[in-house]
Amino acid sequence: MATQAERRKATREALVKAGRASFARAGYDATHTNEILAVARVSRGAMYHHFASKQALFEAVFIAESKATIAGAAAAASHTGSPLENVLSVCLAWLAAAREPVTAAILLDQGPQVLGWKRARDLEEEFSLGGMKRAIQLASEAGELEVGSIDLAARILNAVLAELALAAVHHRDEADPARQERMIRQVLSGFRPQTD
């Protein structure tokens, strides 16, 4: 028999899963909590026990989607003997995941609108910036990159990825993976050690 903590966790997960599907399909504004409750098979009281508002539920969906996309990209990336190629591989894997319709709807289209640009950016950085900094640090230690600030380089690369993902979703001609790879390589080339 499930414990109370397990039941609470299952209820929260059901709400996030139902919210994800509803927000992706209908959009935040057109999604009614009654629909989410019906799909999740929970009461309104149970929902408000976990989330103070529909926006709070959306934020939980956004966080779950961010974490899953980053973890999926890290798992899908190829890992070579070159930390720089590993950075590139993770970036490309994340871009591929971000082009998926549900992920794009939650992270790229609705997130900044529902949560506000700053909150969405802060949340995304909370889950991605640490990994990006570690990857750039490894490439720097291997002598493949030379950056004045690991933190700033990670922020720049995150910003480039976000813009590439938005362009790919909203402009079909910008979605070519080979073209995106060339652009990321060009950005990374600016961080390569300077030779005299």
Protein backbone atom coordinates (compact mmCIF):
# COMPACT_ATOMS: atom_id res chain seq x y z
CA MET A 1 0.00 0.00 0.00
CA ALA A 2 1.30 3.44 -0.99
CA THR A 3 2.37 5.83 1.73
CA GLN A 4 0.92 9.32 1.98
CA ALA A 5 4.18 10.77 0.61
CA GLU A 6 4.03 8.41 -2.37
CA ARG A 7 0.39 9.36 -3.04
CA ARG A 8 1.26 13.07 -2.88
CA LYS A 9 4.14 12.54 -5.29
CA ALA A 10 1.93 10.55 -7.68
CA THR A 11 -0.76 13.25 -7.58
CA ARG A 12 1.77 15.99 -8.31
CA GLU A 13 3.28 14.00 -11.18
CA ALA A 14 -0.19 13.33 -12.64
CA LEU A 15 -1.00 17.04 -12.56
CA VAL A 16 2.29 17.99 -14.21
CA LYS A 17 1.82 15.33 -16.91
CA ALA A 18 -1.77 16.41 -17.60
CA GLY A 19 -0.77 20.08 -17.55
CA ARG A 20 2.05 19.45 -20.01
CA ALA A 21 -0.29 17.75 -22.48
CA SER A 22 -3.00 20.39 -22.14
CA PHE A 23 -0.69 23.40 -22.34
CA ALA A 24 1.10 21.98 -25.37
CA ARG A 25 -2.14 21.17 -27.17
CA ALA A 26 -4.33 24.19 -26.40
CA GLY A 27 -1.92 26.80 -25.08
CA TYR A 28 -1.86 28.28 -21.61
CA ASP A 29 -4.71 30.75 -22.00
CA ALA A 30 -7.11 28.23 -23.57
CA THR A 31 -6.33 25.50 -21.04
CA HIS A 32 -8.93 25.20 -18.28
CA THR A 33 -8.07 23.61 -14.98
CA ASN A 34 -11.18 21.39 -15.26
CA GLU A 35 -9.57 19.67 -18.23
CA ILE A 36 -6.33 19.12 -16.32
CA LEU A 37 -8.23 17.77 -13.31
CA ALA A 38 -10.18 15.35 -15.49
CA VAL A 39 -7.08 14.00 -17.21
CA ALA A 40 -5.10 13.78 -13.96
CA ARG A 41 -8.13 12.30 -12.15
CA VAL A 42 -7.67 14.48 -9.10
CA SER A 43 -9.89 16.93 -7.25
CA ARG A 44 -9.57 20.70 -7.38
CA GLY A 45 -8.57 20.65 -3.72
CA ALA A 46 -5.74 18.23 -4.49
CA MET A 47 -4.53 20.48 -7.28
CA TYR A 48 -4.52 23.56 -5.08
CA HIS A 49 -2.76 21.59 -2.36
CA HIS A 50 0.20 21.29 -4.75
CA PHE A 51 -0.14 24.44 -6.87
CA ALA A 52 -1.52 27.80 -5.80
CA SER A 53 -2.59 28.66 -9.34
CA LYS A 54 -2.62 27.53 -12.96
CA GLN A 55 0.53 29.60 -13.45
CA ALA A 56 2.27 27.73 -10.61
CA LEU A 57 1.35 24.46 -12.32
CA PHE A 58 2.72 25.79 -15.60
CA GLU A 59 5.98 26.71 -13.86
CA ALA A 60 6.27 23.13 -12.58
CA VAL A 61 5.65 21.87 -16.13
CA PHE A 62 8.30 24.26 -17.46
CA ILE A 63 10.83 23.09 -14.86
CA ALA A 64 10.12 19.41 -15.57
CA GLU A 65 10.44 20.01 -19.33
CA SER A 66 13.71 21.92 -18.88
CA LYS A 67 15.23 19.18 -16.74
CA ALA A 68 14.06 16.39 -19.05
CA THR A 69 15.34 18.15 -22.18
CA ILE A 70 18.75 18.82 -20.65
CA ALA A 71 19.07 15.29 -19.27
CA GLY A 72 17.96 13.83 -22.59
CA ALA A 73 20.48 15.92 -24.50
CA ALA A 74 23.29 14.86 -22.18
CA ALA A 75 22.33 11.20 -22.59
CA ALA A 76 21.93 11.44 -26.39
CA ALA A 77 25.19 13.28 -26.98
CA SER A 78 28.18 11.35 -28.21
CA HIS A 79 31.15 11.43 -25.89
CA THR A 80 34.57 11.52 -27.49
CA GLY A 81 38.08 12.18 -26.32
CA SER A 82 37.59 15.85 -27.16
CA PRO A 83 35.77 17.92 -24.52
CA LEU A 84 35.12 20.56 -27.20
CA GLU A 85 33.39 18.02 -29.46
CA ASN A 86 31.40 16.86 -26.43
CA VAL A 87 30.19 20.44 -25.87
CA LEU A 88 29.13 20.63 -29.51
CA SER A 89 27.39 17.24 -29.34
CA VAL A 90 25.36 18.20 -26.27
CA CYS A 91 24.39 21.51 -27.89
CA LEU A 92 23.17 19.75 -31.03
CA ALA A 93 21.27 17.13 -29.02
CA TRP A 94 19.53 19.88 -27.03
CA LEU A 95 18.60 21.74 -30.22
CA ALA A 96 17.10 18.56 -31.67
CA ALA A 97 15.05 18.03 -28.51
CA ALA A 98 13.95 21.68 -28.43
CA ARG A 99 12.50 21.30 -31.94
CA GLU A 100 10.04 18.68 -30.70
CA PRO A 101 6.57 20.30 -30.80
CA VAL A 102 5.64 19.81 -27.13
CA THR A 103 9.04 20.91 -25.86
CA ALA A 104 9.06 23.93 -28.16
CA ALA A 105 5.54 24.92 -27.07
CA ILE A 106 6.39 24.74 -23.36
CA LEU A 107 9.95 26.07 -23.27
CA LEU A 108 10.18 28.45 -26.21
CA ASP A 109 6.71 29.78 -26.94
CA GLN A 110 4.69 29.75 -23.74
CA GLY A 111 7.36 29.87 -21.05
CA PRO A 112 8.48 33.46 -21.58
CA GLN A 113 4.87 34.63 -22.06
CA VAL A 114 3.39 32.88 -19.03
CA LEU A 115 6.27 33.23 -16.59
CA GLY A 116 7.79 36.41 -17.93
CA TRP A 117 11.04 36.49 -19.88
CA LYS A 118 13.26 36.96 -16.82
CA ARG A 119 11.70 34.15 -14.77
CA ALA A 120 11.79 31.73 -17.72
CA ARG A 121 15.43 32.64 -18.39
CA ASP A 122 16.38 32.30 -14.73
CA LEU A 123 14.76 28.87 -14.48
CA GLU A 124 16.38 27.63 -17.69
CA GLU A 125 19.77 28.84 -16.51
CA GLU A 126 19.26 27.20 -13.12
CA PHE A 127 19.14 23.81 -14.81
CA SER A 128 21.46 24.32 -17.77
CA LEU A 129 24.13 26.77 -16.74
CA GLY A 130 25.95 24.47 -14.31
CA GLY A 131 26.35 21.72 -16.89
CA MET A 132 27.42 24.15 -19.58
CA LYS A 133 30.01 25.69 -17.25
CA ARG A 134 31.42 22.25 -16.42
CA ALA A 135 31.63 21.34 -20.11
CA ILE A 136 33.40 24.59 -20.99
CA GLN A 137 35.73 24.17 -18.01
CA LEU A 138 36.73 20.69 -19.26
CA ALA A 139 37.36 22.01 -22.77
CA SER A 140 39.37 24.86 -21.29
CA GLU A 141 41.45 22.53 -19.14
CA ALA A 142 42.13 20.38 -22.23
CA GLY A 143 43.46 23.47 -24.01
CA GLU A 144 40.68 23.42 -26.63
CA LEU A 145 39.05 26.63 -25.42
CA GLU A 146 40.43 29.80 -23.92
CA VAL A 147 37.88 31.98 -22.19
CA GLY A 148 38.29 34.90 -19.84
CA SER A 149 35.22 33.86 -17.89
CA ILE A 150 33.74 30.35 -17.78
CA ASP A 151 30.47 31.79 -16.49
CA LEU A 152 30.16 34.38 -19.26
CA ALA A 153 31.13 31.88 -21.97
CA ALA A 154 28.44 29.49 -20.71
CA ARG A 155 25.84 32.27 -20.71
CA ILE A 156 26.79 33.29 -24.25
CA LEU A 157 26.53 29.71 -25.51
CA ASN A 158 23.18 29.22 -23.73
CA ALA A 159 21.87 32.42 -25.34
CA VAL A 160 23.03 31.28 -28.79
CA LEU A 161 21.28 27.92 -28.30
CA ALA A 162 18.05 29.62 -27.24
CA GLU A 163 18.09 31.88 -30.31
CA LEU A 164 18.89 28.98 -32.64
CA ALA A 165 16.04 26.96 -31.14
CA LEU A 166 13.58 29.84 -31.56
CA ALA A 167 14.70 30.42 -35.13
CA ALA A 168 14.34 26.71 -35.94
CA VAL A 169 10.81 26.58 -34.53
CA HIS A 170 9.56 29.79 -36.15
CA HIS A 171 11.53 29.84 -39.41
CA ARG A 172 11.74 26.55 -41.26
CA ASP A 173 14.79 27.63 -43.28
CA GLU A 174 16.72 28.07 -40.00
CA ALA A 175 16.02 24.50 -38.82
CA ASP A 176 18.71 22.77 -40.87
CA PRO A 177 20.86 20.83 -38.35
CA ALA A 178 24.00 21.15 -40.50
CA ARG A 179 23.55 24.92 -40.66
CA GLN A 180 23.00 25.11 -36.90
CA GLU A 181 26.10 23.01 -36.29
CA ARG A 182 28.17 25.40 -38.43
CA MET A 183 26.86 28.35 -36.43
CA ILE A 184 27.70 26.74 -33.08
CA ARG A 185 31.17 25.85 -34.36
CA GLN A 186 31.64 29.48 -35.41
CA VAL A 187 30.69 30.67 -31.93
CA LEU A 188 32.99 28.12 -30.29
CA SER A 189 35.83 29.09 -32.63
CA GLY A 190 35.77 32.51 -30.98
CA PHE A 191 36.71 30.77 -27.73
CA ARG A 192 39.64 28.83 -29.20
CA PRO A 193 43.15 29.66 -28.00
CA GLN A 194 44.74 32.45 -30.02
CA THR A 195 47.89 31.48 -31.89
CA ASP A 196 50.60 34.00 -32.68
